[in-house]
Amino acid sequence: MKDQFTAASTIFRRHGGILRMSEAIRQGISKRTLYAMRDSGTLEQLSRGLYRLASLPGLEAPDLVTAASRVPNGVICLISALAFHDLTTQVPHAVDIAVAKGSETPRVDYPPLKVYWFSGKAFSEGIETPTIDGVALRIYSADKSVADAFKFRNKIGMEVALEALRSWRTRRGTRVEDLLTHAKNCRVERVIRPYLEAVL
């Protein structure tokens, strides 16, 4: 069993220390070995079907990493993305995640998710993939997150969108053209323009 633990730990390390059960099985780790590693404390279970080597340092953003691993085709959006980019003082109570229109609702027991369905360029444009805790996190850029905040202003609140816009404007390297491109893709260019002119 020790040889199986060593081989499985090596596979986990090659994948950043975190694997979904289906990925682990594809890599040649049996369910029995996974459960034995979990029971011995070698692995910790982050969520149903998601495991992480316990010997790794603590996670920087455990909810985002877990959501990104459990919903690999989703993109972190809205309040969660704004908080990641330090554009809001709001504390997300759930991970906001965008999925392509027509996709099934992700079934995740932890962390709590708020699912939004995006389509076309509103879904596919503005995605960044920073590596957090060894996991490639699909998250919308700061520009796209501000445009999304205006698009969903009736759900998250206009004050959140305005705070995000003001915070975005004080950041170095922001380009109004990039924000307006994303606003156009989200069909809120006419909504955001007067507020943008007021903060310039």
C-alpha atoms as a PDB file:
ATOM      1  CA  MET A   1       0.000   0.000   0.000  1.00  0.00           C
ATOM      2  CA  LYS A   2       2.931   2.338   0.736  1.00  0.00           C
ATOM      3  CA  ASP A   3       4.136   2.041  -2.884  1.00  0.00           C
ATOM      4  CA  GLN A   4       0.635   2.937  -4.103  1.00  0.00           C
ATOM      5  CA  PHE A   5       0.581   5.997  -1.804  1.00  0.00           C
ATOM      6  CA  THR A   6       3.983   7.124  -3.113  1.00  0.00           C
ATOM      7  CA  ALA A   7       2.964   6.657  -6.760  1.00  0.00           C
ATOM      8  CA  ALA A   8      -0.361   8.422  -6.187  1.00  0.00           C
ATOM      9  CA  SER A   9       1.343  11.301  -4.335  1.00  0.00           C
ATOM     10  CA  THR A  10       3.713  11.740  -7.288  1.00  0.00           C
ATOM     11  CA  ILE A  11       0.742  11.946  -9.674  1.00  0.00           C
ATOM     12  CA  PHE A  12      -0.946  14.508  -7.413  1.00  0.00           C
ATOM     13  CA  ARG A  13       2.244  16.629  -7.289  1.00  0.00           C
ATOM     14  CA  ARG A  14       2.493  16.593 -11.108  1.00  0.00           C
ATOM     15  CA  HIS A  15      -1.012  18.109 -11.183  1.00  0.00           C
ATOM     16  CA  GLY A  16      -0.420  20.845  -8.614  1.00  0.00           C
ATOM     17  CA  GLY A  17      -1.487  18.723  -5.642  1.00  0.00           C
ATOM     18  CA  ILE A  18      -5.221  18.800  -6.444  1.00  0.00           C
ATOM     19  CA  LEU A  19      -7.197  16.276  -8.495  1.00  0.00           C
ATOM     20  CA  ARG A  20     -10.804  15.417  -9.085  1.00  0.00           C
ATOM     21  CA  MET A  21     -11.603  11.752  -8.527  1.00  0.00           C
ATOM     22  CA  SER A  22     -12.314  11.207 -12.231  1.00  0.00           C
ATOM     23  CA  GLU A  23      -8.918  12.709 -13.154  1.00  0.00           C
ATOM     24  CA  ALA A  24      -7.146  10.598 -10.522  1.00  0.00           C
ATOM     25  CA  ILE A  25      -8.766   7.420 -11.856  1.00  0.00           C
ATOM     26  CA  ARG A  26      -7.734   8.366 -15.424  1.00  0.00           C
ATOM     27  CA  GLN A  27      -4.177   8.783 -14.116  1.00  0.00           C
ATOM     28  CA  GLY A  28      -4.241   5.232 -12.718  1.00  0.00           C
ATOM     29  CA  ILE A  29      -5.103   5.825  -9.054  1.00  0.00           C
ATOM     30  CA  SER A  30      -7.817   3.475  -7.802  1.00  0.00           C
ATOM     31  CA  LYS A  31     -10.778   4.616  -5.701  1.00  0.00           C
ATOM     32  CA  ARG A  32      -9.580   2.308  -2.953  1.00  0.00           C
ATOM     33  CA  THR A  33      -6.180   4.041  -2.866  1.00  0.00           C
ATOM     34  CA  LEU A  34      -7.832   7.484  -2.827  1.00  0.00           C
ATOM     35  CA  TYR A  35     -10.065   6.549   0.088  1.00  0.00           C
ATOM     36  CA  ALA A  36      -7.169   4.944   1.976  1.00  0.00           C
ATOM     37  CA  MET A  37      -5.047   8.075   1.443  1.00  0.00           C
ATOM     38  CA  ARG A  38      -7.935  10.238   2.659  1.00  0.00           C
ATOM     39  CA  ASP A  39      -8.519   8.052   5.710  1.00  0.00           C
ATOM     40  CA  SER A  40      -4.803   8.079   6.600  1.00  0.00           C
ATOM     41  CA  GLY A  41      -4.602  11.891   6.335  1.00  0.00           C
ATOM     42  CA  THR A  42      -2.353  11.905   3.249  1.00  0.00           C
ATOM     43  CA  LEU A  43      -5.165  13.543   1.254  1.00  0.00           C
ATOM     44  CA  GLU A  44      -7.777  16.025   2.354  1.00  0.00           C
ATOM     45  CA  GLN A  45     -11.174  16.107   0.711  1.00  0.00           C
ATOM     46  CA  LEU A  46     -11.960  19.683  -0.364  1.00  0.00           C
ATOM     47  CA  SER A  47     -15.366  18.845  -1.760  1.00  0.00           C
ATOM     48  CA  ARG A  48     -17.237  15.838  -3.050  1.00  0.00           C
ATOM     49  CA  GLY A  49     -14.885  14.148  -5.508  1.00  0.00           C
ATOM     50  CA  LEU A  50     -12.076  16.706  -5.081  1.00  0.00           C
ATOM     51  CA  TYR A  51      -8.875  15.794  -3.239  1.00  0.00           C
ATOM     52  CA  ARG A  52      -5.691  17.634  -2.276  1.00  0.00           C
ATOM     53  CA  LEU A  53      -2.382  16.525  -0.794  1.00  0.00           C
ATOM     54  CA  ALA A  54      -2.488  17.369   2.907  1.00  0.00           C
ATOM     55  CA  SER A  55       1.269  18.042   2.996  1.00  0.00           C
ATOM     56  CA  LEU A  56       0.929  21.150   0.816  1.00  0.00           C
ATOM     57  CA  PRO A  57       0.835  24.618   2.396  1.00  0.00           C
ATOM     58  CA  GLY A  58      -2.608  26.103   3.109  1.00  0.00           C
ATOM     59  CA  LEU A  59      -4.682  27.371   0.215  1.00  0.00           C
ATOM     60  CA  GLU A  60      -4.643  31.093  -0.581  1.00  0.00           C
ATOM     61  CA  ALA A  61      -8.176  31.083  -2.021  1.00  0.00           C
ATOM     62  CA  PRO A  62      -9.787  27.741  -1.114  1.00  0.00           C
ATOM     63  CA  ASP A  63     -13.317  28.531  -2.332  1.00  0.00           C
ATOM     64  CA  LEU A  64     -12.144  29.825  -5.719  1.00  0.00           C
ATOM     65  CA  VAL A  65      -9.751  26.897  -6.196  1.00  0.00           C
ATOM     66  CA  THR A  66     -12.443  24.375  -5.269  1.00  0.00           C
ATOM     67  CA  ALA A  67     -15.041  26.007  -7.542  1.00  0.00           C
ATOM     68  CA  ALA A  68     -12.568  26.195 -10.443  1.00  0.00           C
ATOM     69  CA  SER A  69     -11.665  22.535  -9.998  1.00  0.00           C
ATOM     70  CA  ARG A  70     -15.272  21.345  -9.687  1.00  0.00           C
ATOM     71  CA  VAL A  71     -16.582  23.477 -12.593  1.00  0.00           C
ATOM     72  CA  PRO A  72     -13.658  23.491 -15.071  1.00  0.00           C
ATOM     73  CA  ASN A  73     -15.671  25.108 -17.898  1.00  0.00           C
ATOM     74  CA  GLY A  74     -16.970  27.879 -15.655  1.00  0.00           C
ATOM     75  CA  VAL A  75     -15.479  31.339 -15.171  1.00  0.00           C
ATOM     76  CA  ILE A  76     -15.325  33.176 -11.831  1.00  0.00           C
ATOM     77  CA  CYS A  77     -17.377  36.363 -12.239  1.00  0.00           C
ATOM     78  CA  LEU A  78     -19.171  39.304 -10.606  1.00  0.00           C
ATOM     79  CA  ILE A  79     -18.608  39.808  -6.836  1.00  0.00           C
ATOM     80  CA  SER A  80     -16.066  36.964  -6.638  1.00  0.00           C
ATOM     81  CA  ALA A  81     -14.045  38.393  -9.548  1.00  0.00           C
ATOM     82  CA  LEU A  82     -14.360  41.964  -8.248  1.00  0.00           C
ATOM     83  CA  ALA A  83     -13.086  40.818  -4.828  1.00  0.00           C
ATOM     84  CA  PHE A  84     -10.212  38.900  -6.469  1.00  0.00           C
ATOM     85  CA  HIS A  85      -9.171  42.081  -8.328  1.00  0.00           C
ATOM     86  CA  ASP A  86      -9.658  44.256  -5.185  1.00  0.00           C
ATOM     87  CA  LEU A  87     -12.398  46.289  -6.864  1.00  0.00           C
ATOM     88  CA  THR A  88     -15.010  45.928  -4.130  1.00  0.00           C
ATOM     89  CA  THR A  89     -15.380  45.932  -0.382  1.00  0.00           C
ATOM     90  CA  GLN A  90     -18.141  43.322  -0.676  1.00  0.00           C
ATOM     91  CA  VAL A  91     -17.420  39.916   0.825  1.00  0.00           C
ATOM     92  CA  PRO A  92     -18.739  37.142  -1.423  1.00  0.00           C
ATOM     93  CA  HIS A  93     -21.054  34.755   0.444  1.00  0.00           C
ATOM     94  CA  ALA A  94     -20.904  32.323  -2.474  1.00  0.00           C
ATOM     95  CA  VAL A  95     -18.631  31.898  -5.475  1.00  0.00           C
ATOM     96  CA  ASP A  96     -20.159  33.647  -8.492  1.00  0.00           C
ATOM     97  CA  ILE A  97     -19.493  31.544 -11.567  1.00  0.00           C
ATOM     98  CA  ALA A  98     -20.480  32.015 -15.206  1.00  0.00           C
ATOM     99  CA  VAL A  99     -21.228  29.076 -17.472  1.00  0.00           C
ATOM    100  CA  ALA A 100     -22.099  29.020 -21.159  1.00  0.00           C
ATOM    101  CA  LYS A 101     -25.783  29.463 -21.907  1.00  0.00           C
ATOM    102  CA  GLY A 102     -27.396  26.064 -22.351  1.00  0.00           C
ATOM    103  CA  SER A 103     -25.011  24.343 -19.918  1.00  0.00           C
ATOM    104  CA  GLU A 104     -26.341  22.287 -17.055  1.00  0.00           C
ATOM    105  CA  THR A 105     -26.364  23.782 -13.590  1.00  0.00           C
ATOM    106  CA  PRO A 106     -23.180  22.618 -11.840  1.00  0.00           C
ATOM    107  CA  ARG A 107     -23.896  20.265  -8.939  1.00  0.00           C
ATOM    108  CA  VAL A 108     -21.462  21.225  -6.228  1.00  0.00           C
ATOM    109  CA  ASP A 109     -22.048  20.728  -2.510  1.00  0.00           C
ATOM    110  CA  TYR A 110     -19.200  23.006  -1.429  1.00  0.00           C
ATOM    111  CA  PRO A 111     -18.488  25.882  -1.825  1.00  0.00           C
ATOM    112  CA  PRO A 112     -21.890  27.495  -2.346  1.00  0.00           C
ATOM    113  CA  LEU A 113     -22.206  28.739  -5.937  1.00  0.00           C
ATOM    114  CA  LYS A 114     -24.275  31.423  -7.622  1.00  0.00           C
ATOM    115  CA  VAL A 115     -24.500  30.392 -11.254  1.00  0.00           C
ATOM    116  CA  TYR A 116     -24.984  32.870 -14.104  1.00  0.00           C
ATOM    117  CA  TRP A 117     -25.495  31.892 -17.737  1.00  0.00           C
ATOM    118  CA  PHE A 118     -23.587  34.030 -20.250  1.00  0.00           C
ATOM    119  CA  SER A 119     -23.603  33.700 -24.025  1.00  0.00           C
ATOM    120  CA  GLY A 120     -21.436  34.735 -26.968  1.00  0.00           C
ATOM    121  CA  LYS A 121     -18.673  37.251 -26.366  1.00  0.00           C
ATOM    122  CA  ALA A 122     -20.124  38.100 -22.955  1.00  0.00           C
ATOM    123  CA  PHE A 123     -19.003  34.595 -21.919  1.00  0.00           C
ATOM    124  CA  SER A 124     -15.873  34.004 -23.990  1.00  0.00           C
ATOM    125  CA  GLU A 125     -14.076  37.380 -23.854  1.00  0.00           C
ATOM    126  CA  GLY A 126     -11.969  38.772 -21.009  1.00  0.00           C
ATOM    127  CA  ILE A 127     -10.965  35.472 -19.401  1.00  0.00           C
ATOM    128  CA  GLU A 128      -7.669  35.388 -17.525  1.00  0.00           C
ATOM    129  CA  THR A 129      -6.057  32.219 -16.154  1.00  0.00           C
ATOM    130  CA  PRO A 130      -3.824  33.048 -13.185  1.00  0.00           C
ATOM    131  CA  THR A 131      -2.423  30.076 -11.285  1.00  0.00           C
ATOM    132  CA  ILE A 132      -3.590  30.129  -7.674  1.00  0.00           C
ATOM    133  CA  ASP A 133      -2.533  27.341  -5.312  1.00  0.00           C
ATOM    134  CA  GLY A 134      -1.372  25.274  -8.294  1.00  0.00           C
ATOM    135  CA  VAL A 135      -4.722  25.503 -10.099  1.00  0.00           C
ATOM    136  CA  ALA A 136      -5.334  27.495 -13.292  1.00  0.00           C
ATOM    137  CA  LEU A 137      -8.219  29.714 -12.259  1.00  0.00           C
ATOM    138  CA  ARG A 138     -10.520  30.904 -15.060  1.00  0.00           C
ATOM    139  CA  ILE A 139     -11.606  34.377 -13.982  1.00  0.00           C
ATOM    140  CA  TYR A 140     -12.779  37.482 -15.794  1.00  0.00           C
ATOM    141  CA  SER A 141     -10.347  40.400 -16.046  1.00  0.00           C
ATOM    142  CA  ALA A 142     -10.846  43.559 -14.015  1.00  0.00           C
ATOM    143  CA  ASP A 143     -12.234  45.404 -17.078  1.00  0.00           C
ATOM    144  CA  LYS A 144     -14.706  42.627 -17.874  1.00  0.00           C
ATOM    145  CA  SER A 145     -15.739  42.326 -14.216  1.00  0.00           C
ATOM    146  CA  VAL A 146     -16.660  46.026 -14.082  1.00  0.00           C
ATOM    147  CA  ALA A 147     -18.714  45.684 -17.286  1.00  0.00           C
ATOM    148  CA  ASP A 148     -20.436  42.603 -15.824  1.00  0.00           C
ATOM    149  CA  ALA A 149     -21.220  44.536 -12.632  1.00  0.00           C
ATOM    150  CA  PHE A 150     -23.116  47.086 -14.716  1.00  0.00           C
ATOM    151  CA  LYS A 151     -24.856  44.352 -16.694  1.00  0.00           C
ATOM    152  CA  PHE A 152     -26.058  42.694 -13.478  1.00  0.00           C
ATOM    153  CA  ARG A 153     -26.564  45.943 -11.533  1.00  0.00           C
ATOM    154  CA  ASN A 154     -30.162  44.980 -10.718  1.00  0.00           C
ATOM    155  CA  LYS A 155     -28.978  41.732  -9.082  1.00  0.00           C
ATOM    156  CA  ILE A 156     -25.849  42.902  -7.255  1.00  0.00           C
ATOM    157  CA  GLY A 157     -26.737  46.578  -6.765  1.00  0.00           C
ATOM    158  CA  MET A 158     -25.827  49.768  -8.598  1.00  0.00           C
ATOM    159  CA  GLU A 159     -23.654  50.892  -5.663  1.00  0.00           C
ATOM    160  CA  VAL A 160     -21.460  47.789  -6.131  1.00  0.00           C
ATOM    161  CA  ALA A 161     -21.054  48.583  -9.843  1.00  0.00           C
ATOM    162  CA  LEU A 162     -20.172  52.226  -9.105  1.00  0.00           C
ATOM    163  CA  GLU A 163     -17.677  51.245  -6.390  1.00  0.00           C
ATOM    164  CA  ALA A 164     -16.047  48.814  -8.836  1.00  0.00           C
ATOM    165  CA  LEU A 165     -15.823  51.512 -11.517  1.00  0.00           C
ATOM    166  CA  ARG A 166     -14.241  54.028  -9.111  1.00  0.00           C
ATOM    167  CA  SER A 167     -11.746  51.429  -7.843  1.00  0.00           C
ATOM    168  CA  TRP A 168     -10.962  50.323 -11.413  1.00  0.00           C
ATOM    169  CA  ARG A 169     -10.218  53.919 -12.435  1.00  0.00           C
ATOM    170  CA  THR A 170      -7.594  54.349  -9.683  1.00  0.00           C
ATOM    171  CA  ARG A 171      -5.645  51.266 -10.815  1.00  0.00           C
ATOM    172  CA  ARG A 172      -2.498  51.658 -12.852  1.00  0.00           C
ATOM    173  CA  GLY A 173      -2.585  50.529 -16.453  1.00  0.00           C
ATOM    174  CA  THR A 174      -6.342  50.701 -16.957  1.00  0.00           C
ATOM    175  CA  ARG A 175      -7.508  51.530 -20.462  1.00  0.00           C
ATOM    176  CA  VAL A 176     -10.917  53.033 -21.082  1.00  0.00           C
ATOM    177  CA  GLU A 177     -11.008  51.376 -24.523  1.00  0.00           C
ATOM    178  CA  ASP A 178     -10.741  47.903 -22.955  1.00  0.00           C
ATOM    179  CA  LEU A 179     -13.572  48.624 -20.535  1.00  0.00           C
ATOM    180  CA  LEU A 180     -15.784  49.980 -23.317  1.00  0.00           C
ATOM    181  CA  THR A 181     -15.082  46.926 -25.497  1.00  0.00           C
ATOM    182  CA  HIS A 182     -16.298  44.639 -22.713  1.00  0.00           C
ATOM    183  CA  ALA A 183     -19.233  46.965 -22.001  1.00  0.00           C
ATOM    184  CA  LYS A 184     -20.211  46.729 -25.677  1.00  0.00           C
ATOM    185  CA  ASN A 185     -19.985  42.903 -25.572  1.00  0.00           C
ATOM    186  CA  CYS A 186     -22.228  42.957 -22.473  1.00  0.00           C
ATOM    187  CA  ARG A 187     -24.581  45.478 -24.127  1.00  0.00           C
ATOM    188  CA  VAL A 188     -24.150  48.089 -21.382  1.00  0.00           C
ATOM    189  CA  GLU A 189     -21.945  50.619 -23.175  1.00  0.00           C
ATOM    190  CA  ARG A 190     -24.673  53.278 -23.115  1.00  0.00           C
ATOM    191  CA  VAL A 191     -25.332  52.598 -19.423  1.00  0.00           C
ATOM    192  CA  ILE A 192     -21.705  52.779 -18.301  1.00  0.00           C
ATOM    193  CA  ARG A 193     -20.535  55.719 -20.452  1.00  0.00           C
ATOM    194  CA  PRO A 194     -22.052  58.584 -18.350  1.00  0.00           C
ATOM    195  CA  TYR A 195     -20.656  57.097 -15.125  1.00  0.00           C
ATOM    196  CA  LEU A 196     -17.277  56.579 -16.766  1.00  0.00           C
ATOM    197  CA  GLU A 197     -17.192  60.200 -17.951  1.00  0.00           C
ATOM    198  CA  ALA A 198     -18.002  61.332 -14.403  1.00  0.00           C
ATOM    199  CA  VAL A 199     -14.999  59.507 -12.892  1.00  0.00           C
ATOM    200  CA  LEU A 200     -12.473  60.508 -15.575  1.00  0.00           C
END
